[in-house]
Amino acid sequence: MSLYTAVATSTGRDGRAFSSDGKLDVDLALQQELGGTGDGTNPEQLFAAGYAACFATSLQLVASQRRIDVSSVSVRAEVSLLPNGGGGFTLEVALRTTLPEGLPSEVGRELIRTTHDVCPYSNATRGNIPVELLIE
């Protein structure tokens, strides 16, 4: 049974994306690096924002279960679009997590590893695309 289902519609990379509840409504544009105008956001940015938010929230959950304060945590997701060698494309991700000062490095590494097992985005991408976990 689903806990929640998000519904969004897109008219394409040079178009618009919007959610069924109206809370998301963005113009999309092909990146300048790919020959487009770059005048809107793109699917890679949306994926990066979603993954960063999901990983940060999952980290807060994991830390709270261990009674560790990570209220100052931030996660930066870098999503790269790459040719796959077969005429299509693939993604790779680097997740850069900034943990609170004073947190022992081994505790931080364990939190990140456990979060990667809990996060829905990490579980969806595991085995499909490379995801590098970095602590800043």
N, C-alpha and C. Protein backbone atom coordinates (compact mmCIF):
# COMPACT_ATOMS: atom_id res chain seq x y z
N MET A 1 0.84 -1.18 0.00
CA MET A 1 0.00 0.00 0.00
C MET A 1 0.88 1.24 0.00
N SER A 2 0.60 2.15 -0.88
CA SER A 2 1.38 3.37 -1.03
C SER A 2 1.17 4.32 0.15
N LEU A 3 2.26 4.91 0.62
CA LEU A 3 2.17 5.96 1.63
C LEU A 3 1.82 7.31 1.01
N TYR A 4 2.26 7.49 -0.26
CA TYR A 4 2.02 8.73 -0.97
C TYR A 4 2.35 8.52 -2.44
N THR A 5 1.60 9.13 -3.32
CA THR A 5 1.88 9.09 -4.75
C THR A 5 1.91 10.51 -5.29
N ALA A 6 3.05 10.90 -5.84
CA ALA A 6 3.18 12.20 -6.50
C ALA A 6 2.77 12.04 -7.95
N VAL A 7 2.10 13.04 -8.48
CA VAL A 7 1.68 13.01 -9.88
C VAL A 7 2.15 14.30 -10.54
N ALA A 8 2.94 14.16 -11.60
CA ALA A 8 3.43 15.31 -12.35
C ALA A 8 3.32 15.01 -13.84
N THR A 9 3.17 16.07 -14.60
CA THR A 9 3.05 15.97 -16.05
C THR A 9 4.09 16.89 -16.68
N SER A 10 4.66 16.46 -17.80
CA SER A 10 5.60 17.29 -18.53
C SER A 10 5.27 17.30 -20.01
N THR A 11 5.52 18.43 -20.64
CA THR A 11 5.33 18.54 -22.08
C THR A 11 6.65 18.36 -22.82
N GLY A 12 7.72 18.04 -22.11
CA GLY A 12 9.02 17.78 -22.75
C GLY A 12 10.11 18.70 -22.23
N ARG A 13 11.33 18.41 -22.68
CA ARG A 13 12.51 19.13 -22.21
C ARG A 13 12.45 20.62 -22.52
N ASP A 14 11.83 21.00 -23.59
CA ASP A 14 11.61 22.42 -23.91
C ASP A 14 10.12 22.71 -23.73
N GLY A 15 9.66 22.61 -22.53
CA GLY A 15 8.24 22.79 -22.26
C GLY A 15 7.99 23.20 -20.84
N ARG A 16 7.17 22.42 -20.18
CA ARG A 16 6.72 22.75 -18.83
C ARG A 16 6.53 21.46 -18.04
N ALA A 17 6.71 21.53 -16.75
CA ALA A 17 6.40 20.41 -15.85
C ALA A 17 5.55 20.97 -14.71
N PHE A 18 4.52 20.21 -14.34
CA PHE A 18 3.64 20.68 -13.28
C PHE A 18 3.07 19.50 -12.52
N SER A 19 2.81 19.74 -11.23
CA SER A 19 2.23 18.70 -10.38
C SER A 19 0.72 18.80 -10.38
N SER A 20 0.08 17.69 -10.05
CA SER A 20 -1.39 17.65 -10.05
C SER A 20 -2.00 18.58 -9.01
N ASP A 21 -1.26 18.88 -7.95
CA ASP A 21 -1.80 19.77 -6.91
C ASP A 21 -1.45 21.24 -7.15
N GLY A 22 -0.70 21.53 -8.23
CA GLY A 22 -0.38 22.90 -8.58
C GLY A 22 0.79 23.50 -7.81
N LYS A 23 1.41 22.75 -6.90
CA LYS A 23 2.50 23.29 -6.10
C LYS A 23 3.82 23.37 -6.86
N LEU A 24 3.93 22.59 -7.92
CA LEU A 24 5.11 22.63 -8.79
C LEU A 24 4.65 23.01 -10.18
N ASP A 25 5.24 24.05 -10.72
CA ASP A 25 4.94 24.47 -12.08
C ASP A 25 6.17 25.21 -12.60
N VAL A 26 6.97 24.52 -13.42
CA VAL A 26 8.23 25.10 -13.87
C VAL A 26 8.37 25.03 -15.38
N ASP A 27 9.04 26.04 -15.92
CA ASP A 27 9.40 26.02 -17.33
C ASP A 27 10.65 25.17 -17.48
N LEU A 28 10.66 24.36 -18.53
CA LEU A 28 11.80 23.51 -18.83
C LEU A 28 12.49 24.01 -20.09
N ALA A 29 13.81 23.84 -20.14
CA ALA A 29 14.55 24.22 -21.34
C ALA A 29 15.79 23.35 -21.45
N LEU A 30 16.12 22.98 -22.65
CA LEU A 30 17.35 22.24 -22.91
C LEU A 30 18.53 23.10 -22.47
N GLN A 31 19.49 22.48 -21.79
CA GLN A 31 20.65 23.17 -21.29
C GLN A 31 21.46 23.79 -22.45
N GLN A 32 22.10 24.92 -22.18
CA GLN A 32 22.96 25.54 -23.17
C GLN A 32 24.08 24.59 -23.60
N GLU A 33 24.58 23.80 -22.65
CA GLU A 33 25.66 22.85 -22.95
C GLU A 33 25.23 21.80 -23.97
N LEU A 34 23.92 21.63 -24.12
CA LEU A 34 23.38 20.65 -25.07
C LEU A 34 22.76 21.33 -26.30
N GLY A 35 23.00 22.63 -26.43
CA GLY A 35 22.51 23.34 -27.60
C GLY A 35 21.19 24.08 -27.40
N GLY A 36 20.68 24.10 -26.19
CA GLY A 36 19.42 24.78 -25.93
C GLY A 36 19.61 26.19 -25.41
N THR A 37 18.52 26.81 -25.03
CA THR A 37 18.57 28.19 -24.52
C THR A 37 18.98 28.25 -23.05
N GLY A 38 18.67 27.19 -22.30
CA GLY A 38 18.95 27.20 -20.88
C GLY A 38 18.06 28.14 -20.10
N ASP A 39 16.95 28.56 -20.69
CA ASP A 39 16.07 29.55 -20.07
C ASP A 39 15.10 28.96 -19.04
N GLY A 40 15.20 27.69 -18.77
CA GLY A 40 14.35 27.06 -17.77
C GLY A 40 15.15 26.01 -17.03
N THR A 41 14.53 25.34 -16.11
CA THR A 41 15.20 24.26 -15.42
C THR A 41 15.21 23.03 -16.32
N ASN A 42 15.82 21.94 -15.86
CA ASN A 42 15.90 20.73 -16.67
C ASN A 42 15.71 19.51 -15.78
N PRO A 43 15.46 18.36 -16.37
CA PRO A 43 15.21 17.16 -15.58
C PRO A 43 16.35 16.79 -14.63
N GLU A 44 17.59 17.05 -15.04
CA GLU A 44 18.72 16.72 -14.17
C GLU A 44 18.72 17.59 -12.92
N GLN A 45 18.37 18.87 -13.05
CA GLN A 45 18.28 19.75 -11.88
C GLN A 45 17.14 19.31 -10.97
N LEU A 46 16.02 18.94 -11.55
CA LEU A 46 14.89 18.48 -10.74
C LEU A 46 15.23 17.20 -10.00
N PHE A 47 15.92 16.28 -10.68
CA PHE A 47 16.34 15.03 -10.05
C PHE A 47 17.34 15.32 -8.93
N ALA A 48 18.28 16.24 -9.18
CA ALA A 48 19.27 16.61 -8.17
C ALA A 48 18.59 17.19 -6.93
N ALA A 49 17.64 18.09 -7.13
CA ALA A 49 16.93 18.70 -6.01
C ALA A 49 16.16 17.65 -5.22
N GLY A 50 15.47 16.76 -5.91
CA GLY A 50 14.71 15.71 -5.24
C GLY A 50 15.60 14.76 -4.47
N TYR A 51 16.70 14.34 -5.10
CA TYR A 51 17.61 13.40 -4.43
C TYR A 51 18.25 14.06 -3.21
N ALA A 52 18.70 15.31 -3.34
CA ALA A 52 19.32 16.01 -2.21
C ALA A 52 18.33 16.13 -1.04
N ALA A 53 17.10 16.51 -1.34
CA ALA A 53 16.09 16.66 -0.28
C ALA A 53 15.77 15.32 0.37
N CYS A 54 15.63 14.29 -0.44
CA CYS A 54 15.29 12.97 0.08
C CYS A 54 16.43 12.42 0.94
N PHE A 55 17.67 12.58 0.47
CA PHE A 55 18.81 12.07 1.23
C PHE A 55 18.97 12.82 2.55
N ALA A 56 18.79 14.15 2.52
CA ALA A 56 18.89 14.94 3.75
C ALA A 56 17.82 14.52 4.76
N THR A 57 16.61 14.33 4.29
CA THR A 57 15.52 13.91 5.18
C THR A 57 15.76 12.51 5.72
N SER A 58 16.25 11.61 4.88
CA SER A 58 16.56 10.25 5.33
C SER A 58 17.69 10.28 6.36
N LEU A 59 18.68 11.14 6.15
CA LEU A 59 19.78 11.28 7.11
C LEU A 59 19.26 11.78 8.45
N GLN A 60 18.34 12.73 8.42
CA GLN A 60 17.76 13.23 9.66
C GLN A 60 17.01 12.13 10.40
N LEU A 61 16.32 11.27 9.66
CA LEU A 61 15.61 10.14 10.27
C LEU A 61 16.60 9.17 10.92
N VAL A 62 17.62 8.78 10.17
CA VAL A 62 18.63 7.84 10.69
C VAL A 62 19.32 8.42 11.92
N ALA A 63 19.70 9.69 11.86
CA ALA A 63 20.38 10.33 12.99
C ALA A 63 19.47 10.43 14.21
N SER A 64 18.19 10.74 13.99
CA SER A 64 17.27 10.87 15.13
C SER A 64 17.09 9.53 15.85
N GLN A 65 17.13 8.43 15.10
CA GLN A 65 17.03 7.11 15.71
C GLN A 65 18.24 6.81 16.60
N ARG A 66 19.35 7.49 16.35
CA ARG A 66 20.58 7.33 17.14
C ARG A 66 20.79 8.48 18.11
N ARG A 67 19.79 9.37 18.17
CA ARG A 67 19.83 10.54 19.04
C ARG A 67 21.04 11.43 18.73
N ILE A 68 21.28 11.63 17.43
CA ILE A 68 22.36 12.50 16.97
C ILE A 68 21.73 13.71 16.30
N ASP A 69 22.15 14.90 16.70
CA ASP A 69 21.61 16.13 16.14
C ASP A 69 22.31 16.46 14.83
N VAL A 70 21.57 16.41 13.74
CA VAL A 70 22.10 16.78 12.43
C VAL A 70 21.24 17.90 11.82
N SER A 71 20.70 18.76 12.67
CA SER A 71 19.80 19.81 12.19
C SER A 71 20.50 20.77 11.22
N SER A 72 21.83 20.84 11.26
CA SER A 72 22.55 21.74 10.36
C SER A 72 23.06 21.04 9.10
N VAL A 73 22.60 19.82 8.87
CA VAL A 73 23.06 19.06 7.70
C VAL A 73 22.61 19.70 6.40
N SER A 74 23.44 19.55 5.36
CA SER A 74 23.02 19.91 4.01
C SER A 74 23.58 18.87 3.05
N VAL A 75 22.84 18.64 1.97
CA VAL A 75 23.25 17.67 0.96
C VAL A 75 23.19 18.36 -0.39
N ARG A 76 24.29 18.26 -1.13
CA ARG A 76 24.34 18.78 -2.50
C ARG A 76 24.46 17.59 -3.44
N ALA A 77 23.49 17.46 -4.33
CA ALA A 77 23.51 16.38 -5.32
C ALA A 77 23.99 16.95 -6.65
N GLU A 78 24.99 16.30 -7.22
CA GLU A 78 25.50 16.66 -8.53
C GLU A 78 25.11 15.53 -9.48
N VAL A 79 24.22 15.83 -10.40
CA VAL A 79 23.71 14.83 -11.34
C VAL A 79 24.30 15.13 -12.71
N SER A 80 25.06 14.18 -13.22
CA SER A 80 25.70 14.34 -14.53
C SER A 80 24.99 13.49 -15.57
N LEU A 81 24.79 14.08 -16.74
CA LEU A 81 24.20 13.40 -17.89
C LEU A 81 25.34 12.95 -18.80
N LEU A 82 25.37 11.66 -19.11
CA LEU A 82 26.47 11.08 -19.88
C LEU A 82 25.93 10.24 -21.02
N PRO A 83 26.66 10.18 -22.15
CA PRO A 83 26.28 9.23 -23.19
C PRO A 83 26.55 7.82 -22.70
N ASN A 84 25.69 6.87 -23.07
CA ASN A 84 25.87 5.50 -22.59
C ASN A 84 26.63 4.61 -23.57
N GLY A 85 27.06 5.17 -24.68
CA GLY A 85 27.82 4.40 -25.65
C GLY A 85 26.96 3.63 -26.64
N GLY A 86 25.65 3.61 -26.42
CA GLY A 86 24.75 2.90 -27.30
C GLY A 86 23.74 3.81 -27.97
N GLY A 87 24.03 5.10 -28.00
CA GLY A 87 23.13 6.05 -28.61
C GLY A 87 22.16 6.70 -27.64
N GLY A 88 22.18 6.26 -26.40
CA GLY A 88 21.30 6.83 -25.38
C GLY A 88 22.11 7.55 -24.32
N PHE A 89 21.52 7.73 -23.18
CA PHE A 89 22.15 8.50 -22.11
C PHE A 89 21.97 7.81 -20.77
N THR A 90 22.82 8.16 -19.83
CA THR A 90 22.72 7.65 -18.47
C THR A 90 23.08 8.79 -17.52
N LEU A 91 22.90 8.55 -16.26
CA LEU A 91 23.21 9.53 -15.22
C LEU A 91 24.25 8.97 -14.28
N GLU A 92 24.97 9.87 -13.61
CA GLU A 92 25.77 9.51 -12.44
C GLU A 92 25.59 10.61 -11.42
N VAL A 93 25.72 10.24 -10.15
CA VAL A 93 25.42 11.17 -9.07
C VAL A 93 26.57 11.20 -8.08
N ALA A 94 26.87 12.40 -7.61
CA ALA A 94 27.74 12.59 -6.44
C ALA A 94 26.90 13.29 -5.39
N LEU A 95 26.81 12.69 -4.21
CA LEU A 95 26.10 13.30 -3.08
C LEU A 95 27.14 13.83 -2.11
N ARG A 96 27.16 15.14 -1.93
CA ARG A 96 28.12 15.78 -1.03
C ARG A 96 27.36 16.24 0.21
N THR A 97 27.63 15.58 1.33
CA THR A 97 26.93 15.86 2.57
C THR A 97 27.82 16.65 3.51
N THR A 98 27.30 17.75 4.01
CA THR A 98 27.99 18.54 5.03
C THR A 98 27.34 18.21 6.37
N LEU A 99 28.12 17.60 7.24
CA LEU A 99 27.63 17.19 8.56
C LEU A 99 27.99 18.24 9.60
N PRO A 100 27.35 18.19 10.76
CA PRO A 100 27.65 19.16 11.82
C PRO A 100 29.11 19.07 12.27
N GLU A 101 29.68 20.22 12.59
CA GLU A 101 31.04 20.26 13.13
C GLU A 101 31.08 19.47 14.43
N GLY A 102 32.18 18.81 14.66
CA GLY A 102 32.35 18.07 15.90
C GLY A 102 31.86 16.64 15.86
N LEU A 103 31.14 16.27 14.81
CA LEU A 103 30.67 14.89 14.68
C LEU A 103 31.86 14.02 14.31
N PRO A 104 32.17 12.98 15.09
CA PRO A 104 33.30 12.12 14.76
C PRO A 104 33.18 11.55 13.34
N SER A 105 34.29 11.50 12.61
CA SER A 105 34.25 11.10 11.20
C SER A 105 33.70 9.70 11.01
N GLU A 106 34.02 8.76 11.88
CA GLU A 106 33.50 7.40 11.73
C GLU A 106 31.98 7.38 11.93
N VAL A 107 31.47 8.17 12.85
CA VAL A 107 30.02 8.28 13.06
C VAL A 107 29.38 8.86 11.81
N GLY A 108 30.00 9.89 11.24
CA GLY A 108 29.47 10.49 10.03
C GLY A 108 29.44 9.51 8.87
N ARG A 109 30.52 8.76 8.68
CA ARG A 109 30.56 7.77 7.60
C ARG A 109 29.49 6.70 7.78
N GLU A 110 29.29 6.26 9.01
CA GLU A 110 28.27 5.23 9.28
C GLU A 110 26.87 5.78 9.03
N LEU A 111 26.63 7.04 9.42
CA LEU A 111 25.33 7.66 9.15
C LEU A 111 25.06 7.74 7.65
N ILE A 112 26.06 8.12 6.88
CA ILE A 112 25.91 8.24 5.43
C ILE A 112 25.64 6.87 4.81
N ARG A 113 26.39 5.86 5.21
CA ARG A 113 26.18 4.50 4.68
C ARG A 113 24.77 4.01 5.00
N THR A 114 24.34 4.19 6.22
CA THR A 114 23.00 3.74 6.62
C THR A 114 21.93 4.53 5.88
N THR A 115 22.13 5.84 5.73
CA THR A 115 21.18 6.67 5.01
C THR A 115 21.05 6.20 3.57
N HIS A 116 22.15 5.81 2.96
CA HIS A 116 22.12 5.33 1.58
C HIS A 116 21.28 4.05 1.46
N ASP A 117 21.20 3.27 2.55
CA ASP A 117 20.35 2.07 2.57
C ASP A 117 18.88 2.41 2.79
N VAL A 118 18.59 3.57 3.41
CA VAL A 118 17.23 3.96 3.78
C VAL A 118 16.57 4.83 2.71
N CYS A 119 17.33 5.72 2.11
CA CYS A 119 16.78 6.74 1.18
C CYS A 119 16.10 6.10 -0.02
N PRO A 120 14.84 6.47 -0.31
CA PRO A 120 14.14 5.92 -1.47
C PRO A 120 14.84 6.19 -2.81
N TYR A 121 15.44 7.36 -2.97
CA TYR A 121 16.17 7.64 -4.21
C TYR A 121 17.38 6.73 -4.34
N SER A 122 18.10 6.53 -3.25
CA SER A 122 19.25 5.63 -3.28
C SER A 122 18.82 4.21 -3.62
N ASN A 123 17.71 3.79 -3.03
CA ASN A 123 17.22 2.44 -3.32
C ASN A 123 16.76 2.31 -4.77
N ALA A 124 16.19 3.37 -5.33
CA ALA A 124 15.73 3.34 -6.72
C ALA A 124 16.88 3.33 -7.71
N THR A 125 17.98 3.98 -7.36
CA THR A 125 19.11 4.09 -8.29
C THR A 125 20.14 2.98 -8.12
N ARG A 126 20.12 2.30 -6.98
CA ARG A 126 21.15 1.29 -6.68
C ARG A 126 21.21 0.23 -7.78
N GLY A 127 22.41 0.03 -8.30
CA GLY A 127 22.61 -0.96 -9.35
C GLY A 127 22.29 -0.44 -10.74
N ASN A 128 21.72 0.77 -10.82
CA ASN A 128 21.35 1.34 -12.11
C ASN A 128 22.32 2.43 -12.56
N ILE A 129 22.72 3.27 -11.62
CA ILE A 129 23.67 4.34 -11.92
C ILE A 129 24.67 4.46 -10.77
N PRO A 130 25.87 4.93 -11.07
CA PRO A 130 26.84 5.13 -9.98
C PRO A 130 26.44 6.31 -9.09
N VAL A 131 26.54 6.11 -7.77
CA VAL A 131 26.27 7.15 -6.80
C VAL A 131 27.48 7.20 -5.86
N GLU A 132 28.17 8.34 -5.86
CA GLU A 132 29.33 8.53 -5.00
C GLU A 132 28.90 9.28 -3.75
N LEU A 133 29.25 8.76 -2.59
CA LEU A 133 28.90 9.38 -1.32
C LEU A 133 30.12 10.10 -0.77
N LEU A 134 30.01 11.40 -0.59
CA LEU A 134 31.13 12.22 -0.13
C LEU A 134 30.72 13.02 1.09
N ILE A 135 31.65 13.17 2.03
CA ILE A 135 31.42 14.01 3.20
C ILE A 135 32.30 15.24 3.04
N GLU A 136 31.68 16.39 3.13
CA GLU A 136 32.40 17.66 2.95
C GLU A 136 32.86 18.19 4.29
